[in-house]
Amino acid sequence: LSEYENITVQLKKKKTKLILGNDQFSQKLKTFQNYSAKLGKFGNLEYVDLRFPDRFIIKPEKNPYRTRIPKPKKEAN
């Protein structure tokens, strides 16, 4: 624990960190549980920031194997 006013939890089965701030821990964890299935569409996440009321911020995990989308050979009509 390096920041007493900003609690961060790392999930056991995933590398995702949950940034909880300094209050309402159980409510924030319930919010994460309620939305975790929907967050799955973003792939692996580096963190989910739950410090802000009525919203959360996510950061997708960096993927070194991600392929670039090729440039089109011609303009679309």
Protein backbone atom coordinates (compact mmCIF):
# COMPACT_ATOMS: atom_id res chain seq x y z
CA LEU A 1 0.00 0.00 0.00
CA SER A 2 1.77 3.11 -1.20
CA GLU A 3 -1.10 5.61 -1.21
CA TYR A 4 -3.29 5.65 1.89
CA GLU A 5 -5.90 7.89 0.26
CA ASN A 6 -6.15 5.80 -2.89
CA ILE A 7 -6.78 2.08 -2.36
CA THR A 8 -6.04 -0.19 -5.34
CA VAL A 9 -7.02 -3.87 -5.49
CA GLN A 10 -5.67 -6.41 -7.96
CA LEU A 11 -7.96 -9.26 -8.97
CA LYS A 12 -6.76 -12.81 -8.37
CA LYS A 13 -7.74 -14.42 -11.65
CA LYS A 14 -7.04 -11.38 -13.84
CA LYS A 15 -4.35 -8.74 -13.97
CA THR A 16 -6.94 -5.97 -13.78
CA LYS A 17 -6.44 -3.43 -11.00
CA LEU A 18 -9.45 -1.76 -9.41
CA ILE A 19 -8.79 1.80 -8.25
CA LEU A 20 -11.21 2.41 -5.38
CA GLY A 21 -10.13 5.72 -3.87
CA ASN A 22 -10.71 6.21 -0.15
CA ASP A 23 -14.38 5.44 0.54
CA GLN A 24 -17.45 3.34 -0.37
CA PHE A 25 -15.36 0.24 -1.14
CA SER A 26 -18.20 -2.30 -1.01
CA GLN A 27 -20.45 -0.18 -3.26
CA LYS A 28 -17.66 0.27 -5.80
CA LEU A 29 -16.91 -3.45 -5.81
CA LYS A 30 -20.61 -4.21 -6.35
CA THR A 31 -20.68 -1.74 -9.24
CA PHE A 32 -17.70 -3.48 -10.80
CA GLN A 33 -19.34 -6.89 -10.38
CA ASN A 34 -22.55 -5.63 -11.99
CA TYR A 35 -20.70 -4.34 -15.06
CA SER A 36 -17.83 -6.84 -15.35
CA ALA A 37 -19.56 -8.88 -18.08
CA LYS A 38 -20.12 -5.75 -20.18
CA LEU A 39 -16.52 -4.66 -19.64
CA GLY A 40 -15.41 -7.97 -21.14
CA LYS A 41 -16.06 -6.63 -24.64
CA PHE A 42 -13.05 -4.34 -24.20
CA GLY A 43 -10.70 -7.30 -23.74
CA ASN A 44 -8.16 -7.49 -20.93
CA LEU A 45 -8.02 -4.33 -18.87
CA GLU A 46 -5.01 -2.81 -17.14
CA TYR A 47 -7.28 -1.03 -14.67
CA VAL A 48 -10.81 0.11 -13.86
CA ASP A 49 -10.95 3.41 -11.99
CA LEU A 50 -14.02 3.50 -9.72
CA ARG A 51 -13.25 6.73 -7.82
CA PHE A 52 -15.77 8.89 -9.63
CA PRO A 53 -19.51 8.91 -8.83
CA ASP A 54 -21.82 7.44 -11.47
CA ARG A 55 -19.00 6.45 -13.86
CA PHE A 56 -15.79 4.56 -14.18
CA ILE A 57 -12.74 4.85 -16.38
CA ILE A 58 -11.07 1.88 -18.01
CA LYS A 59 -7.66 1.40 -19.55
CA PRO A 60 -7.30 -1.56 -21.91
CA GLU A 61 -4.21 -3.68 -21.49
CA LYS A 62 -1.50 -3.02 -24.06
CA ASN A 63 -1.36 -5.76 -26.65
CA PRO A 64 2.00 -6.09 -28.42
CA TYR A 65 0.45 -8.54 -30.90
CA ARG A 66 -2.30 -6.21 -32.04
CA THR A 67 -2.25 -5.91 -35.81
CA ARG A 68 -2.64 -2.62 -37.57
CA ILE A 69 -5.56 -2.05 -39.87
CA PRO A 70 -4.19 -1.78 -43.41
CA LYS A 71 -4.78 1.43 -45.35
CA PRO A 72 -7.36 1.04 -48.09
CA LYS A 73 -6.06 0.90 -51.66
CA LYS A 74 -8.76 3.30 -52.81
CA GLU A 75 -11.28 5.68 -51.31
CA ALA A 76 -14.70 4.34 -50.37
CA ASN A 77 -17.67 5.67 -52.32
